[in-house]
Amino acid sequence: MDAVTLSPKFQVVIPRRVREALAWRPGDKLQALIVGDAVQFVPVRRMRTMRGFARGIDTTVVREDDRV
């Protein structure tokens, strides 16, 4: 586990090991979410890169008669 230090400007450096494992690059946008007493960073993906991400998903769902 890597620890980071909060700077006087409230900035942190994401450790290289984490950046490389997640393939994050300079300029990538990250959404900051508060989860309990922690912060979670989620990459914001461009819609163009999302094309086909659900390919092969099983869409057979049992639905109630009043649903279309």
PDB file of N, CA and C in Angstrom:
ATOM      1  N   MET A   1       0.848  -1.168   0.000  1.00  0.00           N
ATOM      2  CA  MET A   1       0.000   0.000   0.000  1.00  0.00           C
ATOM      3  C   MET A   1       0.896   1.234   0.000  1.00  0.00           C
ATOM      4  N   ASP A   2       0.548   2.207  -0.831  1.00  0.00           N
ATOM      5  CA  ASP A   2       1.318   3.443  -0.925  1.00  0.00           C
ATOM      6  C   ASP A   2       0.598   4.556  -0.163  1.00  0.00           C
ATOM      7  N   ALA A   3       1.350   5.311   0.601  1.00  0.00           N
ATOM      8  CA  ALA A   3       0.787   6.461   1.317  1.00  0.00           C
ATOM      9  C   ALA A   3       1.169   7.730   0.575  1.00  0.00           C
ATOM     10  N   VAL A   4       0.301   8.710   0.606  1.00  0.00           N
ATOM     11  CA  VAL A   4       0.573  10.001  -0.012  1.00  0.00           C
ATOM     12  C   VAL A   4       0.415  11.076   1.056  1.00  0.00           C
ATOM     13  N   THR A   5       0.988  12.252   0.790  1.00  0.00           N
ATOM     14  CA  THR A   5       0.919  13.371   1.728  1.00  0.00           C
ATOM     15  C   THR A   5       0.160  14.511   1.082  1.00  0.00           C
ATOM     16  N   LEU A   6      -0.726  15.092   1.834  1.00  0.00           N
ATOM     17  CA  LEU A   6      -1.488  16.245   1.364  1.00  0.00           C
ATOM     18  C   LEU A   6      -0.611  17.477   1.479  1.00  0.00           C
ATOM     19  N   SER A   7      -0.424  18.201   0.360  1.00  0.00           N
ATOM     20  CA  SER A   7       0.439  19.380   0.355  1.00  0.00           C
ATOM     21  C   SER A   7      -0.301  20.582   0.951  1.00  0.00           C
ATOM     22  N   PRO A   8       0.421  21.666   1.218  1.00  0.00           N
ATOM     23  CA  PRO A   8      -0.235  22.882   1.715  1.00  0.00           C
ATOM     24  C   PRO A   8      -1.288  23.430   0.743  1.00  0.00           C
ATOM     25  N   LYS A   9      -1.179  23.060  -0.541  1.00  0.00           N
ATOM     26  CA  LYS A   9      -2.171  23.479  -1.541  1.00  0.00           C
ATOM     27  C   LYS A   9      -3.265  22.429  -1.709  1.00  0.00           C
ATOM     28  N   PHE A  10      -3.337  21.457  -0.786  1.00  0.00           N
ATOM     29  CA  PHE A  10      -4.326  20.376  -0.815  1.00  0.00           C
ATOM     30  C   PHE A  10      -4.185  19.503  -2.058  1.00  0.00           C
ATOM     31  N   GLN A  11      -2.956  19.243  -2.472  1.00  0.00           N
ATOM     32  CA  GLN A  11      -2.687  18.384  -3.616  1.00  0.00           C
ATOM     33  C   GLN A  11      -1.997  17.119  -3.149  1.00  0.00           C
ATOM     34  N   VAL A  12      -2.184  16.039  -3.918  1.00  0.00           N
ATOM     35  CA  VAL A  12      -1.475  14.788  -3.666  1.00  0.00           C
ATOM     36  C   VAL A  12      -0.890  14.295  -4.981  1.00  0.00           C
ATOM     37  N   VAL A  13       0.149  13.495  -4.880  1.00  0.00           N
ATOM     38  CA  VAL A  13       0.732  12.849  -6.054  1.00  0.00           C
ATOM     39  C   VAL A  13       0.303  11.389  -6.006  1.00  0.00           C
ATOM     40  N   ILE A  14      -0.318  10.935  -7.092  1.00  0.00           N
ATOM     41  CA  ILE A  14      -0.729   9.531  -7.171  1.00  0.00           C
ATOM     42  C   ILE A  14       0.529   8.712  -7.483  1.00  0.00           C
ATOM     43  N   PRO A  15       0.833   7.731  -6.655  1.00  0.00           N
ATOM     44  CA  PRO A  15       2.071   6.956  -6.848  1.00  0.00           C
ATOM     45  C   PRO A  15       2.160   6.310  -8.232  1.00  0.00           C
ATOM     46  N   ARG A  16       3.380   6.231  -8.738  1.00  0.00           N
ATOM     47  CA  ARG A  16       3.632   5.678 -10.069  1.00  0.00           C
ATOM     48  C   ARG A  16       3.032   4.286 -10.224  1.00  0.00           C
ATOM     49  N   ARG A  17       3.201   3.455  -9.203  1.00  0.00           N
ATOM     50  CA  ARG A  17       2.678   2.078  -9.270  1.00  0.00           C
ATOM     51  C   ARG A  17       1.173   2.074  -9.521  1.00  0.00           C
ATOM     52  N   VAL A  18       0.451   2.988  -8.885  1.00  0.00           N
ATOM     53  CA  VAL A  18      -1.002   3.093  -9.059  1.00  0.00           C
ATOM     54  C   VAL A  18      -1.319   3.621 -10.452  1.00  0.00           C
ATOM     55  N   ARG A  19      -0.641   4.688 -10.867  1.00  0.00           N
ATOM     56  CA  ARG A  19      -0.880   5.279 -12.193  1.00  0.00           C
ATOM     57  C   ARG A  19      -0.647   4.260 -13.296  1.00  0.00           C
ATOM     58  N   GLU A  20       0.436   3.507 -13.189  1.00  0.00           N
ATOM     59  CA  GLU A  20       0.750   2.522 -14.226  1.00  0.00           C
ATOM     60  C   GLU A  20      -0.251   1.374 -14.222  1.00  0.00           C
ATOM     61  N   ALA A  21      -0.656   0.917 -13.046  1.00  0.00           N
ATOM     62  CA  ALA A  21      -1.612  -0.185 -12.962  1.00  0.00           C
ATOM     63  C   ALA A  21      -2.959   0.203 -13.569  1.00  0.00           C
ATOM     64  N   LEU A  22      -3.332   1.474 -13.445  1.00  0.00           N
ATOM     65  CA  LEU A  22      -4.618   1.932 -13.960  1.00  0.00           C
ATOM     66  C   LEU A  22      -4.504   2.598 -15.330  1.00  0.00           C
ATOM     67  N   ALA A  23      -3.297   2.670 -15.862  1.00  0.00           N
ATOM     68  CA  ALA A  23      -3.023   3.280 -17.171  1.00  0.00           C
ATOM     69  C   ALA A  23      -3.500   4.723 -17.222  1.00  0.00           C
ATOM     70  N   TRP A  24      -3.320   5.464 -16.121  1.00  0.00           N
ATOM     71  CA  TRP A  24      -3.675   6.889 -16.092  1.00  0.00           C
ATOM     72  C   TRP A  24      -2.542   7.699 -16.680  1.00  0.00           C
ATOM     73  N   ARG A  25      -2.900   8.718 -17.435  1.00  0.00           N
ATOM     74  CA  ARG A  25      -1.934   9.586 -18.105  1.00  0.00           C
ATOM     75  C   ARG A  25      -2.175  11.031 -17.701  1.00  0.00           C
ATOM     76  N   PRO A  26      -1.172  11.896 -17.836  1.00  0.00           N
ATOM     77  CA  PRO A  26      -1.388  13.319 -17.546  1.00  0.00           C
ATOM     78  C   PRO A  26      -2.534  13.859 -18.399  1.00  0.00           C
ATOM     79  N   GLY A  27      -3.396  14.640 -17.779  1.00  0.00           N
ATOM     80  CA  GLY A  27      -4.534  15.211 -18.493  1.00  0.00           C
ATOM     81  C   GLY A  27      -5.809  14.393 -18.379  1.00  0.00           C
ATOM     82  N   ASP A  28      -5.711  13.138 -17.894  1.00  0.00           N
ATOM     83  CA  ASP A  28      -6.922  12.332 -17.699  1.00  0.00           C
ATOM     84  C   ASP A  28      -7.826  13.024 -16.688  1.00  0.00           C
ATOM     85  N   LYS A  29      -9.129  12.948 -16.901  1.00  0.00           N
ATOM     86  CA  LYS A  29     -10.099  13.525 -15.978  1.00  0.00           C
ATOM     87  C   LYS A  29     -10.552  12.444 -15.011  1.00  0.00           C
ATOM     88  N   LEU A  30     -10.651  12.805 -13.737  1.00  0.00           N
ATOM     89  CA  LEU A  30     -11.077  11.886 -12.691  1.00  0.00           C
ATOM     90  C   LEU A  30     -12.223  12.518 -11.918  1.00  0.00           C
ATOM     91  N   GLN A  31     -13.243  11.729 -11.658  1.00  0.00           N
ATOM     92  CA  GLN A  31     -14.369  12.171 -10.826  1.00  0.00           C
ATOM     93  C   GLN A  31     -14.005  11.822  -9.387  1.00  0.00           C
ATOM     94  N   ALA A  32     -14.110  12.796  -8.468  1.00  0.00           N
ATOM     95  CA  ALA A  32     -13.816  12.559  -7.056  1.00  0.00           C
ATOM     96  C   ALA A  32     -15.125  12.311  -6.319  1.00  0.00           C
ATOM     97  N   LEU A  33     -15.246  11.137  -5.707  1.00  0.00           N
ATOM     98  CA  LEU A  33     -16.453  10.760  -4.980  1.00  0.00           C
ATOM     99  C   LEU A  33     -16.125  10.578  -3.510  1.00  0.00           C
ATOM    100  N   ILE A  34     -17.002  11.068  -2.637  1.00  0.00           N
ATOM    101  CA  ILE A  34     -16.838  10.854  -1.208  1.00  0.00           C
ATOM    102  C   ILE A  34     -17.579   9.570  -0.852  1.00  0.00           C
ATOM    103  N   VAL A  35     -16.860   8.621  -0.281  1.00  0.00           N
ATOM    104  CA  VAL A  35     -17.423   7.332   0.111  1.00  0.00           C
ATOM    105  C   VAL A  35     -17.128   7.163   1.601  1.00  0.00           C
ATOM    106  N   GLY A  36     -18.130   7.437   2.427  1.00  0.00           N
ATOM    107  CA  GLY A  36     -17.908   7.402   3.872  1.00  0.00           C
ATOM    108  C   GLY A  36     -16.906   8.464   4.255  1.00  0.00           C
ATOM    109  N   ASP A  37     -15.784   8.045   4.838  1.00  0.00           N
ATOM    110  CA  ASP A  37     -14.740   9.005   5.210  1.00  0.00           C
ATOM    111  C   ASP A  37     -13.520   8.882   4.288  1.00  0.00           C
ATOM    112  N   ALA A  38     -13.762   8.438   3.058  1.00  0.00           N
ATOM    113  CA  ALA A  38     -12.689   8.262   2.078  1.00  0.00           C
ATOM    114  C   ALA A  38     -13.061   8.948   0.765  1.00  0.00           C
ATOM    115  N   VAL A  39     -12.086   9.100  -0.090  1.00  0.00           N
ATOM    116  CA  VAL A  39     -12.296   9.661  -1.427  1.00  0.00           C
ATOM    117  C   VAL A  39     -11.976   8.575  -2.443  1.00  0.00           C
ATOM    118  N   GLN A  40     -12.830   8.460  -3.450  1.00  0.00           N
ATOM    119  CA  GLN A  40     -12.612   7.479  -4.519  1.00  0.00           C
ATOM    120  C   GLN A  40     -12.509   8.251  -5.825  1.00  0.00           C
ATOM    121  N   PHE A  41     -11.480   7.972  -6.620  1.00  0.00           N
ATOM    122  CA  PHE A  41     -11.303   8.616  -7.914  1.00  0.00           C
ATOM    123  C   PHE A  41     -11.721   7.647  -9.015  1.00  0.00           C
ATOM    124  N   VAL A  42     -12.626   8.112  -9.877  1.00  0.00           N
ATOM    125  CA  VAL A  42     -13.140   7.287 -10.966  1.00  0.00           C
ATOM    126  C   VAL A  42     -12.837   8.003 -12.275  1.00  0.00           C
ATOM    127  N   PRO A  43     -12.187   7.330 -13.224  1.00  0.00           N
ATOM    128  CA  PRO A  43     -11.887   7.981 -14.499  1.00  0.00           C
ATOM    129  C   PRO A  43     -13.162   8.376 -15.242  1.00  0.00           C
ATOM    130  N   VAL A  44     -13.154   9.565 -15.811  1.00  0.00           N
ATOM    131  CA  VAL A  44     -14.251  10.022 -16.655  1.00  0.00           C
ATOM    132  C   VAL A  44     -13.880   9.624 -18.074  1.00  0.00           C
ATOM    133  N   ARG A  45     -14.675   8.765 -18.654  1.00  0.00           N
ATOM    134  CA  ARG A  45     -14.383   8.265 -20.000  1.00  0.00           C
ATOM    135  C   ARG A  45     -15.181   9.051 -21.032  1.00  0.00           C
ATOM    136  N   ARG A  46     -14.568   9.318 -22.158  1.00  0.00           N
ATOM    137  CA  ARG A  46     -15.276   9.964 -23.260  1.00  0.00           C
ATOM    138  C   ARG A  46     -16.255   8.967 -23.852  1.00  0.00           C
ATOM    139  N   MET A  47     -17.395   9.443 -24.294  1.00  0.00           N
ATOM    140  CA  MET A  47     -18.414   8.567 -24.863  1.00  0.00           C
ATOM    141  C   MET A  47     -17.857   7.757 -26.028  1.00  0.00           C
ATOM    142  N   ARG A  48     -16.959   8.329 -26.771  1.00  0.00           N
ATOM    143  CA  ARG A  48     -16.372   7.629 -27.916  1.00  0.00           C
ATOM    144  C   ARG A  48     -15.659   6.353 -27.463  1.00  0.00           C
ATOM    145  N   THR A  49     -15.003   6.399 -26.311  1.00  0.00           N
ATOM    146  CA  THR A  49     -14.276   5.221 -25.837  1.00  0.00           C
ATOM    147  C   THR A  49     -15.210   4.192 -25.212  1.00  0.00           C
ATOM    148  N   MET A  50     -16.452   4.565 -24.919  1.00  0.00           N
ATOM    149  CA  MET A  50     -17.409   3.647 -24.309  1.00  0.00           C
ATOM    150  C   MET A  50     -18.115   2.779 -25.345  1.00  0.00           C
ATOM    151  N   ARG A  51     -17.951   3.099 -26.612  1.00  0.00           N
ATOM    152  CA  ARG A  51     -18.632   2.356 -27.668  1.00  0.00           C
ATOM    153  C   ARG A  51     -18.286   0.868 -27.606  1.00  0.00           C
ATOM    154  N   GLY A  52     -19.316   0.047 -27.488  1.00  0.00           N
ATOM    155  CA  GLY A  52     -19.145  -1.393 -27.500  1.00  0.00           C
ATOM    156  C   GLY A  52     -18.730  -1.994 -26.172  1.00  0.00           C
ATOM    157  N   PHE A  53     -18.699  -1.203 -25.079  1.00  0.00           N
ATOM    158  CA  PHE A  53     -18.218  -1.742 -23.811  1.00  0.00           C
ATOM    159  C   PHE A  53     -19.130  -2.822 -23.243  1.00  0.00           C
ATOM    160  N   ALA A  54     -20.400  -2.846 -23.651  1.00  0.00           N
ATOM    161  CA  ALA A  54     -21.335  -3.846 -23.133  1.00  0.00           C
ATOM    162  C   ALA A  54     -21.580  -4.978 -24.134  1.00  0.00           C
ATOM    163  N   ARG A  55     -20.754  -5.067 -25.147  1.00  0.00           N
ATOM    164  CA  ARG A  55     -20.902  -6.103 -26.161  1.00  0.00           C
ATOM    165  C   ARG A  55     -20.862  -7.474 -25.515  1.00  0.00           C
ATOM    166  N   GLY A  56     -21.822  -8.312 -25.872  1.00  0.00           N
ATOM    167  CA  GLY A  56     -21.866  -9.667 -25.358  1.00  0.00           C
ATOM    168  C   GLY A  56     -22.646  -9.811 -24.064  1.00  0.00           C
ATOM    169  N   ILE A  57     -23.193  -8.718 -23.551  1.00  0.00           N
ATOM    170  CA  ILE A  57     -23.947  -8.792 -22.303  1.00  0.00           C
ATOM    171  C   ILE A  57     -25.259  -9.536 -22.540  1.00  0.00           C
ATOM    172  N   ASP A  58     -25.682 -10.317 -21.561  1.00  0.00           N
ATOM    173  CA  ASP A  58     -26.928 -11.079 -21.660  1.00  0.00           C
ATOM    174  C   ASP A  58     -28.100 -10.127 -21.430  1.00  0.00           C
ATOM    175  N   THR A  59     -28.925  -9.924 -22.448  1.00  0.00           N
ATOM    176  CA  THR A  59     -30.059  -8.998 -22.348  1.00  0.00           C
ATOM    177  C   THR A  59     -31.382  -9.715 -22.144  1.00  0.00           C
ATOM    178  N   THR A  60     -31.336 -11.021 -21.948  1.00  0.00           N
ATOM    179  CA  THR A  60     -32.579 -11.762 -21.709  1.00  0.00           C
ATOM    180  C   THR A  60     -32.948 -11.615 -20.239  1.00  0.00           C
ATOM    181  N   VAL A  61     -33.961 -10.794 -20.006  1.00  0.00           N
ATOM    182  CA  VAL A  61     -34.405 -10.513 -18.653  1.00  0.00           C
ATOM    183  C   VAL A  61     -35.882 -10.851 -18.561  1.00  0.00           C
ATOM    184  N   VAL A  62     -36.271 -11.553 -17.522  1.00  0.00           N
ATOM    185  CA  VAL A  62     -37.683 -11.854 -17.318  1.00  0.00           C
ATOM    186  C   VAL A  62     -38.363 -10.568 -16.871  1.00  0.00           C
ATOM    187  N   ARG A  63     -39.402 -10.168 -17.615  1.00  0.00           N
ATOM    188  CA  ARG A  63     -40.114  -8.929 -17.302  1.00  0.00           C
ATOM    189  C   ARG A  63     -41.550  -9.227 -16.918  1.00  0.00           C
ATOM    190  N   GLU A  64     -42.107  -8.348 -16.109  1.00  0.00           N
ATOM    191  CA  GLU A  64     -43.508  -8.475 -15.753  1.00  0.00           C
ATOM    192  C   GLU A  64     -44.364  -8.149 -16.963  1.00  0.00           C
ATOM    193  N   ASP A  65     -45.586  -8.681 -17.019  1.00  0.00           N
ATOM    194  CA  ASP A  65     -46.455  -8.509 -18.170  1.00  0.00           C
ATOM    195  C   ASP A  65     -46.744  -7.047 -18.494  1.00  0.00           C
ATOM    196  N   ASP A  66     -46.799  -6.178 -17.480  1.00  0.00           N
ATOM    197  CA  ASP A  66     -47.140  -4.775 -17.730  1.00  0.00           C
ATOM    198  C   ASP A  66     -45.925  -3.937 -18.131  1.00  0.00           C
ATOM    199  N   ARG A  67     -44.770  -4.569 -18.310  1.00  0.00           N
ATOM    200  CA  ARG A  67     -43.558  -3.855 -18.716  1.00  0.00           C
ATOM    201  C   ARG A  67     -43.222  -4.209 -20.164  1.00  0.00           C
ATOM    202  N   VAL A  68     -42.719  -3.251 -20.882  1.00  0.00           N
ATOM    203  CA  VAL A  68     -42.340  -3.480 -22.265  1.00  0.00           C
ATOM    204  C   VAL A  68     -40.846  -3.483 -22.395  1.00  0.00           C
TER     205      VAL A  68
END
